[in-house]
Amino acid sequence: MTFISSALSYGVKLNTMTAESFGHDREARNAAWEAALEQGVLPEFVHDRLENAASGQGAWVATMTPAELLLARSHGIRPLATVSGTCWFHYGWSWTQGHAQGWHEALERLQREAIAVGANAVVDVRMRTLRHRLANSMDYTLIGTAVRIDRLTPGTDPVVATVPALEFVRLLEADIVPVGVAVGASYDWLNRVGYGGYGVGASFNNTSWQTNWKMQSWSNQPLTELTDFWERIRRDAHADLREAAGRQGNGVLAHTQFGQLLRREQDKQPPAYLGRHIVIGTVVDTHHAAAIPHEIETVIDMRDDISPLNQPGRPRHSGYEAEIQDQEGGI
């Protein structure tokens, strides 16, 4: 590869350049990233930045609100640095597997940064997607706050949670332990012929002529063919999520889901439909029927407005809402 050969040609230069000099040498920075990704590691200048953040050198950055920061510190949870993982992924023969694998690649890169900074967990993990017109590919980015918990040594397998720091503390108080992230995805054509989960180039059939006639009718009536198809897509995605979660814990919290039916017009034929459904959430592990270890008190919100307690997920669950823009939100 061109980038790998460039990295080798730099030789000692890549090993001796500081983080500041990398900011002024874009070619060297790209070469270092390509070489590191081929080996499944982080570039040296990224290690330096994270180590400086962990040791308290320079300002740290966190996605927590002031209230979340105060509560986290009162429970012995200290933010270390903002960590991220990005992957531009091409999915070929299976959009279902490709989409899920893209998020897992980004998740692994996020965990590498968390390990480098010495974190026990990454909280408030948010999903970021970049819309573009490049076929069969997508940008996957995860960003969150790496934290260290008092009395715990730096871990080699930090917990990744989509819940914010406030909810993370509440879960720990209730003896519910976030243990990771699970992804469930399903892509398929209506009445497809061949392998499931195909994208462009798949072998598929059309909606029936009966369904096409119903869609042009003036009468109110259910579209049973599309209803059954859409239900199967959702069930397959949730079954995939349950299977992924079952390998890590016994429950899923703070999940977000996105579904879409894509219509393809065809010459002298009824339209074809591609359905996709993605579900992502935080896997938790807890004892069955465990009691809450503290009293529950009733409180009254005195705000003369819509309470933010009734919409905790609004800014965190918008990663799939917009089709053509750089959109940020939580998983």
Protein backbone atom coordinates (compact mmCIF):
# COMPACT_ATOMS: atom_id res chain seq x y z
CA MET A 1 0.00 0.00 0.00
CA THR A 2 1.17 3.55 -0.71
CA PHE A 3 0.68 4.76 2.85
CA ILE A 4 2.60 1.80 4.33
CA SER A 5 5.58 2.35 2.04
CA SER A 6 5.50 6.04 2.96
CA ALA A 7 5.55 5.12 6.64
CA LEU A 8 8.60 2.89 6.15
CA SER A 9 10.42 5.56 4.18
CA TYR A 10 10.03 7.99 7.04
CA GLY A 11 11.88 5.56 9.35
CA VAL A 12 13.40 7.34 12.30
CA LYS A 13 11.45 10.50 11.50
CA LEU A 14 8.16 8.89 12.56
CA ASN A 15 9.64 7.72 15.86
CA THR A 16 11.21 11.03 16.82
CA MET A 17 8.54 13.53 15.82
CA THR A 18 6.53 15.05 18.65
CA ALA A 19 2.77 15.54 18.76
CA GLU A 20 3.29 19.23 17.91
CA SER A 21 5.40 18.52 14.85
CA PHE A 22 2.87 15.98 13.61
CA GLY A 23 0.29 18.74 13.55
CA HIS A 24 2.46 20.52 10.96
CA ASP A 25 3.28 17.43 8.89
CA ARG A 26 0.05 15.97 7.57
CA GLU A 27 1.75 13.43 5.34
CA ALA A 28 3.76 11.96 8.21
CA ARG A 29 0.67 11.90 10.42
CA ASN A 30 -1.35 9.98 7.82
CA ALA A 31 1.52 7.55 7.28
CA ALA A 32 1.79 6.91 11.01
CA TRP A 33 -1.94 6.23 11.24
CA GLU A 34 -1.89 3.81 8.29
CA ALA A 35 1.06 1.89 9.72
CA ALA A 36 -0.56 1.71 13.16
CA LEU A 37 -3.94 0.54 11.84
CA GLU A 38 -2.28 -2.22 9.83
CA GLN A 39 -0.73 -3.49 13.08
CA GLY A 40 -3.85 -2.97 15.21
CA VAL A 41 -2.17 -0.41 17.48
CA LEU A 42 -2.19 3.35 18.07
CA PRO A 43 0.39 5.81 16.69
CA GLU A 44 3.07 6.95 19.12
CA PHE A 45 1.84 10.55 19.16
CA VAL A 46 -1.66 9.35 20.19
CA HIS A 47 -0.13 7.31 23.03
CA ASP A 48 1.75 10.43 24.17
CA ARG A 49 -1.41 12.54 24.16
CA LEU A 50 -3.38 9.99 26.16
CA GLU A 51 -0.57 9.40 28.66
CA ASN A 52 -0.29 13.15 29.23
CA ALA A 53 -4.04 13.34 29.82
CA ALA A 54 -3.93 10.45 32.31
CA SER A 55 -1.06 12.03 34.25
CA GLY A 56 -2.80 15.39 34.48
CA GLN A 57 -0.57 17.28 32.07
CA GLY A 58 -2.67 19.87 30.29
CA ALA A 59 -6.43 20.35 30.26
CA TRP A 60 -8.68 17.30 30.02
CA VAL A 61 -11.88 17.16 27.97
CA ALA A 62 -15.06 15.30 28.94
CA THR A 63 -18.59 15.00 27.56
CA MET A 64 -20.11 15.27 31.06
CA THR A 65 -22.35 18.08 32.24
CA PRO A 66 -21.30 19.91 35.45
CA ALA A 67 -23.94 18.00 37.44
CA GLU A 68 -22.76 14.66 36.05
CA LEU A 69 -19.14 15.57 36.78
CA LEU A 70 -19.94 16.45 40.41
CA LEU A 71 -21.91 13.24 40.98
CA ALA A 72 -19.27 11.10 39.30
CA ARG A 73 -16.50 12.56 41.46
CA SER A 74 -18.57 12.02 44.61
CA HIS A 75 -18.68 8.31 43.72
CA GLY A 76 -14.98 8.00 43.02
CA ILE A 77 -15.23 8.21 39.23
CA ARG A 78 -12.62 10.47 37.64
CA PRO A 79 -12.70 11.51 33.96
CA LEU A 80 -9.39 11.05 32.18
CA ALA A 81 -9.85 12.10 28.55
CA THR A 82 -12.17 12.03 25.59
CA VAL A 83 -11.50 8.94 23.47
CA SER A 84 -12.80 8.01 20.04
CA GLY A 85 -12.74 5.35 17.37
CA THR A 86 -13.40 5.88 13.67
CA CYS A 87 -13.77 3.48 10.75
CA TRP A 88 -14.81 4.17 7.17
CA PHE A 89 -16.17 0.77 6.21
CA HIS A 90 -17.21 -0.75 2.90
CA TYR A 91 -19.85 -3.48 3.03
CA GLY A 92 -19.95 -5.85 0.08
CA TRP A 93 -21.84 -9.13 -0.13
CA SER A 94 -23.81 -8.62 3.11
CA TRP A 95 -25.06 -5.23 4.25
CA THR A 96 -26.33 -6.81 7.47
CA GLN A 97 -22.96 -8.16 8.53
CA GLY A 98 -21.08 -5.21 7.05
CA HIS A 99 -23.04 -2.62 8.99
CA ALA A 100 -22.61 -4.43 12.30
CA GLN A 101 -18.92 -5.06 11.61
CA GLY A 102 -18.32 -1.36 10.89
CA TRP A 103 -19.54 -0.41 14.36
CA HIS A 104 -17.48 -3.20 15.95
CA GLU A 105 -14.33 -1.94 14.19
CA ALA A 106 -14.94 1.56 15.55
CA LEU A 107 -15.67 0.09 18.99
CA GLU A 108 -12.35 -1.79 19.05
CA ARG A 109 -10.46 1.40 18.17
CA LEU A 110 -12.28 3.29 20.94
CA GLN A 111 -11.25 0.59 23.41
CA ARG A 112 -7.60 0.84 22.31
CA GLU A 113 -7.55 4.51 23.26
CA ALA A 114 -9.30 3.74 26.56
CA ILE A 115 -6.67 1.10 27.39
CA ALA A 116 -3.86 3.51 26.49
CA VAL A 117 -5.20 6.15 28.89
CA GLY A 118 -5.60 3.58 31.68
CA ALA A 119 -9.40 3.74 31.92
CA ASN A 120 -11.73 1.31 33.65
CA ALA A 121 -14.72 2.41 31.56
CA VAL A 122 -15.90 4.71 28.77
CA VAL A 123 -19.22 6.40 29.48
CA ASP A 124 -21.59 8.58 27.46
CA VAL A 125 -20.50 6.90 24.24
CA ARG A 126 -22.07 8.69 21.29
CA MET A 127 -22.42 7.70 17.69
CA ARG A 128 -21.35 9.97 14.86
CA THR A 129 -22.08 9.33 11.20
CA LEU A 130 -21.03 11.19 8.06
CA ARG A 131 -23.52 11.20 5.20
CA HIS A 132 -22.10 10.95 1.71
CA ARG A 133 -22.91 9.68 -1.77
CA LEU A 134 -20.28 6.93 -1.93
CA ALA A 135 -22.09 3.65 -2.57
CA ASN A 136 -21.87 0.67 -0.22
CA SER A 137 -19.84 2.40 2.49
CA MET A 138 -20.36 4.43 5.64
CA ASP A 139 -18.38 6.35 8.23
CA TYR A 140 -18.60 4.95 11.76
CA THR A 141 -17.35 7.03 14.69
CA LEU A 142 -17.76 6.53 18.44
CA ILE A 143 -16.74 9.13 21.01
CA GLY A 144 -16.98 9.04 24.79
CA THR A 145 -15.35 9.95 28.10
CA ALA A 146 -12.76 7.55 29.51
CA VAL A 147 -13.00 7.33 33.31
CA ARG A 148 -11.08 5.66 36.12
CA ILE A 149 -12.79 4.30 39.22
CA ASP A 150 -11.12 4.64 42.63
CA ARG A 151 -9.64 1.47 44.10
CA LEU A 152 -9.55 -0.20 40.68
CA THR A 153 -6.36 -0.71 38.71
CA PRO A 154 -6.26 0.29 35.02
CA GLY A 155 -7.99 -2.43 33.03
CA THR A 156 -7.11 -4.24 29.82
CA ASP A 157 -10.79 -4.57 28.85
CA PRO A 158 -12.55 -1.29 29.75
CA VAL A 159 -16.33 -1.27 29.91
CA VAL A 160 -18.02 0.71 27.13
CA ALA A 161 -21.44 2.17 27.98
CA THR A 162 -23.84 4.29 25.98
CA VAL A 163 -25.43 5.64 29.15
CA PRO A 164 -24.29 9.07 30.44
CA ALA A 165 -22.18 9.37 33.58
CA LEU A 166 -25.25 10.12 35.73
CA GLU A 167 -27.00 6.91 34.68
CA PHE A 168 -23.75 4.97 34.97
CA VAL A 169 -23.50 5.91 38.65
CA ARG A 170 -27.17 5.08 39.24
CA LEU A 171 -26.70 1.64 37.70
CA LEU A 172 -23.70 0.88 39.89
CA GLU A 173 -25.66 1.99 42.98
CA ALA A 174 -28.37 -0.52 42.06
CA ASP A 175 -25.78 -3.30 41.57
CA ILE A 176 -26.36 -3.26 37.82
CA VAL A 177 -23.03 -3.40 36.00
CA PRO A 178 -22.68 -2.14 32.40
CA VAL A 179 -20.41 -4.60 30.61
CA GLY A 180 -20.32 -3.52 26.97
CA VAL A 181 -22.18 -2.64 23.78
CA ALA A 182 -24.29 -4.95 21.60
CA VAL A 183 -25.34 -4.39 17.98
CA GLY A 184 -28.23 -5.99 16.11
CA ALA A 185 -28.75 -5.34 12.40
CA SER A 186 -30.86 -6.67 9.55
CA TYR A 187 -30.90 -5.68 5.86
CA ASP A 188 -32.99 -7.56 3.31
CA TRP A 189 -34.99 -7.23 0.11
CA LEU A 190 -38.70 -7.89 -0.02
CA ASN A 191 -39.24 -11.29 -1.66
CA ARG A 192 -35.53 -11.53 -2.36
CA VAL A 193 -34.05 -14.54 -4.11
CA GLY A 194 -30.65 -15.72 -2.92
CA TYR A 195 -28.66 -14.81 0.16
CA GLY A 196 -30.13 -12.59 2.88
CA GLY A 197 -28.73 -9.24 3.89
CA TYR A 198 -27.73 -8.22 0.37
CA GLY A 199 -27.36 -4.66 -0.74
CA VAL A 200 -26.68 -3.36 -4.24
CA GLY A 201 -26.45 -6.15 -6.78
CA ALA A 202 -28.71 -8.51 -4.86
CA SER A 203 -31.11 -10.86 -6.55
CA PHE A 204 -34.60 -9.83 -5.54
CA ASN A 205 -38.24 -9.93 -6.57
CA ASN A 206 -40.79 -7.13 -6.55
CA THR A 207 -43.84 -6.38 -4.50
CA SER A 208 -46.76 -8.38 -5.79
CA TRP A 209 -49.15 -6.83 -8.29
CA GLN A 210 -51.84 -7.10 -5.62
CA THR A 211 -49.82 -4.92 -3.22
CA ASN A 212 -49.08 -2.45 -5.99
CA TRP A 213 -52.80 -2.22 -6.77
CA LYS A 214 -53.65 -1.64 -3.09
CA MET A 215 -51.16 1.25 -2.89
CA GLN A 216 -52.98 3.01 -5.72
CA SER A 217 -56.45 2.32 -4.39
CA TRP A 218 -58.73 4.99 -2.88
CA SER A 219 -59.94 2.64 -0.14
CA ASN A 220 -58.37 2.19 3.31
CA GLN A 221 -56.80 -1.24 3.63
CA PRO A 222 -53.72 -2.86 5.20
CA LEU A 223 -50.67 -3.64 3.07
CA THR A 224 -50.13 -7.11 4.51
CA GLU A 225 -47.14 -7.97 2.32
CA LEU A 226 -45.14 -4.92 3.42
CA THR A 227 -46.36 -5.32 7.01
CA ASP A 228 -45.09 -8.90 7.25
CA PHE A 229 -41.81 -7.95 5.57
CA TRP A 230 -41.18 -5.03 7.92
CA GLU A 231 -42.05 -7.11 10.99
CA ARG A 232 -39.55 -9.79 9.93
CA ILE A 233 -36.78 -7.21 9.46
CA ARG A 234 -37.34 -5.83 12.98
CA ARG A 235 -37.57 -9.27 14.57
CA ASP A 236 -34.33 -10.38 12.91
CA ALA A 237 -32.50 -7.26 14.15
CA HIS A 238 -33.74 -7.70 17.72
CA ALA A 239 -32.88 -11.41 17.66
CA ASP A 240 -29.37 -10.44 16.56
CA LEU A 241 -29.19 -7.92 19.43
CA ARG A 242 -30.32 -10.51 21.99
CA GLU A 243 -27.74 -12.99 20.75
CA ALA A 244 -24.95 -10.40 20.96
CA ALA A 245 -26.08 -9.28 24.43
CA GLY A 246 -26.36 -12.86 25.69
CA ARG A 247 -22.64 -13.36 25.14
CA GLN A 248 -21.85 -10.51 27.57
CA GLY A 249 -24.63 -10.12 30.15
CA ASN A 250 -28.33 -10.60 30.82
CA GLY A 251 -29.95 -7.34 29.71
CA VAL A 252 -29.75 -4.35 27.35
CA LEU A 253 -30.36 -0.72 28.35
CA ALA A 254 -30.34 2.68 26.64
CA HIS A 255 -30.84 1.14 23.23
CA THR A 256 -31.61 3.16 20.16
CA GLN A 257 -33.11 1.79 17.00
CA PHE A 258 -33.37 2.96 13.44
CA GLY A 259 -35.49 1.51 10.66
CA GLN A 260 -35.99 2.47 7.05
CA LEU A 261 -37.69 1.14 3.92
CA LEU A 262 -35.89 2.10 0.72
CA ARG A 263 -38.00 2.03 -2.45
CA ARG A 264 -36.44 1.29 -5.84
CA GLU A 265 -38.48 2.05 -8.96
CA GLN A 266 -38.21 -0.39 -11.85
CA ASP A 267 -39.10 -0.19 -15.52
CA LYS A 268 -42.43 -1.89 -16.26
CA GLN A 269 -42.35 -3.66 -12.90
CA PRO A 270 -43.73 -2.93 -9.42
CA PRO A 271 -41.21 -1.19 -7.14
CA ALA A 272 -38.68 -3.18 -5.11
CA TYR A 273 -38.17 -2.53 -1.37
CA LEU A 274 -35.03 -2.81 0.76
CA GLY A 275 -35.62 -2.81 4.53
CA ARG A 276 -33.02 -2.11 7.19
CA HIS A 277 -33.24 -2.02 10.96
CA ILE A 278 -30.38 -1.39 13.40
CA VAL A 279 -30.52 -1.67 17.21
CA ILE A 280 -27.62 -0.73 19.50
CA GLY A 281 -27.53 -0.66 23.30
CA THR A 282 -25.57 -1.06 26.53
CA VAL A 283 -25.35 -4.62 27.85
CA VAL A 284 -25.74 -4.96 31.64
CA ASP A 285 -25.30 -7.81 34.09
CA THR A 286 -27.21 -8.07 37.36
CA HIS A 287 -28.69 -10.60 39.76
CA HIS A 288 -32.20 -11.76 38.95
CA ALA A 289 -34.91 -9.85 40.89
CA ALA A 290 -32.30 -7.87 42.85
CA ALA A 291 -33.75 -5.19 45.14
CA ILE A 292 -32.83 -1.49 44.91
CA PRO A 293 -30.33 -0.93 47.78
CA HIS A 294 -31.72 2.48 48.83
CA GLU A 295 -35.02 4.22 49.47
CA ILE A 296 -36.91 5.77 46.55
CA GLU A 297 -38.23 9.26 47.25
CA THR A 298 -40.84 11.22 45.31
CA VAL A 299 -39.68 14.63 44.08
CA ILE A 300 -41.44 17.47 42.25
CA ASP A 301 -39.75 19.27 39.40
CA MET A 302 -40.22 23.04 39.91
CA ARG A 303 -39.30 24.02 36.34
CA ASP A 304 -41.94 26.07 34.53
CA ASP A 305 -41.23 24.19 31.33
CA ILE A 306 -40.93 20.69 29.95
CA SER A 307 -38.76 18.79 32.41
CA PRO A 308 -35.40 17.61 31.03
CA LEU A 309 -35.97 14.45 33.09
CA ASN A 310 -38.69 13.46 30.62
CA GLN A 311 -36.38 13.68 27.62
CA PRO A 312 -32.95 12.42 28.72
CA GLY A 313 -32.14 10.81 25.38
CA ARG A 314 -33.02 13.65 23.01
CA PRO A 315 -29.48 14.86 22.17
CA ARG A 316 -27.99 11.39 22.44
CA HIS A 317 -30.04 9.33 20.01
CA SER A 318 -29.94 11.22 16.72
CA GLY A 319 -27.14 9.51 14.85
CA TYR A 320 -29.44 8.20 12.11
CA GLU A 321 -32.00 10.99 11.87
CA ALA A 322 -30.57 13.05 9.03
CA GLU A 323 -29.73 11.62 5.64
CA ILE A 324 -27.38 14.22 4.18
CA GLN A 325 -25.37 15.97 6.86
CA ASP A 326 -22.73 15.41 9.49
CA GLN A 327 -24.90 14.26 12.38
CA GLU A 328 -23.90 13.54 15.96
CA GLY A 329 -25.83 11.70 18.63
CA GLY A 330 -25.75 8.87 21.11
CA ILE A 331 -26.09 5.21 20.42
